[in-house]
Amino acid sequence: MHGDPMPDSYVYVTEEGVTRHYADGSVEALAWEDVVEVRVVTETGADVLFVLLDRAGEGCVVPRSATDATFLARLRYLPDFDVERLHVAAGAERDGMVVVWRSPDPPSALPDFEYD
């Protein structure tokens, strides 16, 4: 009997965030409230990747093959997110990376600390 092979990773999308579990046991997770940038990475012969990043540059990589309507619908909640720009970038026929969204809110400044 031949079954479907185990996927190398799987993705969970919730109202709180996105989590990707890899076959080796490692996990990438990012809360929606922490997302400050969305990138699309295309490579000939490979799955399109959506890369969600936080202010520290940490993030979660989501293959297009692991996305569904829930993922795309949740992206629309990001302020001024342009779904058409996402689709154009994901349909690119050349290798590359495109930033399709950045948070319109500037990073919060660190408070000034006074030391005695």
Protein backbone atom coordinates (compact mmCIF):
# COMPACT_ATOMS: atom_id res chain seq x y z
CA MET A 1 0.00 0.00 0.00
CA HIS A 2 1.35 3.41 -0.96
CA GLY A 3 0.22 6.46 0.93
CA ASP A 4 0.93 10.11 0.44
CA PRO A 5 4.38 11.02 1.72
CA MET A 6 4.55 13.13 4.85
CA PRO A 7 4.83 16.80 3.94
CA ASP A 8 8.13 18.49 4.83
CA SER A 9 6.13 21.11 6.71
CA TYR A 10 2.64 22.24 7.50
CA VAL A 11 1.17 25.64 8.29
CA TYR A 12 -1.50 26.77 10.74
CA VAL A 13 -3.23 30.12 10.23
CA THR A 14 -5.34 31.49 13.06
CA GLU A 15 -6.72 34.87 14.04
CA GLU A 16 -3.69 35.24 16.31
CA GLY A 17 -0.94 34.41 13.83
CA VAL A 18 0.83 31.97 11.53
CA THR A 19 2.84 28.91 12.58
CA ARG A 20 4.89 26.62 10.34
CA HIS A 21 5.99 23.21 11.64
CA TYR A 22 8.89 21.49 9.85
CA ALA A 23 9.45 17.73 9.60
CA ASP A 24 12.62 18.08 11.72
CA GLY A 25 10.53 19.44 14.62
CA SER A 26 11.51 23.08 14.26
CA VAL A 27 8.80 25.74 14.32
CA GLU A 28 8.45 29.28 12.97
CA ALA A 29 5.65 31.42 14.36
CA LEU A 30 4.59 35.03 14.11
CA ALA A 31 1.63 36.87 15.61
CA TRP A 32 -0.32 39.02 13.13
CA GLU A 33 0.12 42.04 15.39
CA ASP A 34 3.91 41.69 15.03
CA VAL A 35 3.98 41.49 11.21
CA VAL A 36 5.68 44.58 9.76
CA GLU A 37 6.60 43.29 6.29
CA VAL A 38 5.35 40.76 3.75
CA ARG A 39 7.65 39.54 0.97
CA VAL A 40 7.05 37.25 -1.99
CA VAL A 41 9.95 35.06 -3.14
CA THR A 42 9.78 33.39 -6.55
CA GLU A 43 12.22 30.87 -7.97
CA THR A 44 11.86 28.99 -11.25
CA GLY A 45 10.69 25.45 -10.61
CA ALA A 46 10.03 26.06 -6.92
CA ASP A 47 7.00 26.95 -4.83
CA VAL A 48 6.30 30.65 -4.29
CA LEU A 49 7.10 31.68 -0.72
CA PHE A 50 5.36 34.32 1.37
CA VAL A 51 7.72 35.65 4.03
CA LEU A 52 6.22 37.43 7.04
CA LEU A 53 8.68 39.42 9.16
CA ASP A 54 8.63 41.21 12.49
CA ARG A 55 10.66 44.30 13.48
CA ALA A 56 13.65 42.17 14.46
CA GLY A 57 13.73 40.46 11.06
CA GLU A 58 12.45 37.19 12.50
CA GLY A 59 9.49 35.62 10.81
CA CYS A 60 7.61 32.81 9.23
CA VAL A 61 8.00 31.45 5.69
CA VAL A 62 4.76 30.19 4.16
CA PRO A 63 4.82 28.23 0.88
CA ARG A 64 1.97 29.12 -1.48
CA SER A 65 1.12 25.41 -1.64
CA ALA A 66 0.32 25.58 2.10
CA THR A 67 -1.96 28.62 1.86
CA ASP A 68 -5.70 28.74 1.61
CA ALA A 69 -8.42 31.38 1.57
CA THR A 70 -7.96 31.89 5.32
CA PHE A 71 -4.34 33.02 4.88
CA LEU A 72 -5.18 35.43 2.07
CA ALA A 73 -8.21 36.77 3.90
CA ARG A 74 -6.13 37.43 7.01
CA LEU A 75 -3.50 39.33 5.00
CA ARG A 76 -6.27 41.73 3.94
CA TYR A 77 -6.58 42.86 7.56
CA LEU A 78 -3.08 44.34 7.45
CA PRO A 79 -3.45 48.14 7.07
CA ASP A 80 -3.58 49.16 3.38
CA PHE A 81 -2.64 45.66 2.20
CA ASP A 82 -2.91 45.40 -1.61
CA VAL A 83 -3.99 41.87 -2.56
CA GLU A 84 -3.53 42.62 -6.27
CA ARG A 85 0.13 43.51 -5.67
CA LEU A 86 0.52 40.16 -3.87
CA HIS A 87 -0.99 38.26 -6.82
CA VAL A 88 1.19 40.08 -9.37
CA ALA A 89 4.35 39.35 -7.35
CA ALA A 90 3.39 35.69 -6.83
CA GLY A 91 2.76 35.29 -10.57
CA ALA A 92 6.14 36.69 -11.60
CA GLU A 93 7.97 34.48 -14.07
CA ARG A 94 11.43 35.46 -12.92
CA ASP A 95 13.40 34.66 -9.81
CA GLY A 96 13.41 37.30 -7.15
CA MET A 97 12.03 38.81 -3.99
CA VAL A 98 9.45 41.59 -3.80
CA VAL A 99 8.28 43.46 -0.71
CA VAL A 100 4.51 43.62 -1.20
CA TRP A 101 3.63 45.29 2.10
CA ARG A 102 5.28 47.23 4.92
CA SER A 103 3.62 48.47 8.05
CA PRO A 104 2.55 52.10 7.68
CA ASP A 105 3.40 52.61 11.36
CA PRO A 106 7.00 53.63 12.00
CA PRO A 107 8.84 51.53 14.56
CA SER A 108 8.30 52.77 18.06
CA ALA A 109 11.27 54.60 19.50
CA LEU A 110 13.08 53.19 22.47
CA PRO A 111 12.44 55.21 25.59
CA ASP A 112 15.24 57.44 26.84
CA PHE A 113 16.63 55.93 29.98
CA GLU A 114 18.44 57.97 32.55
CA TYR A 115 20.92 56.09 34.66
CA ASP A 116 22.08 57.26 38.05
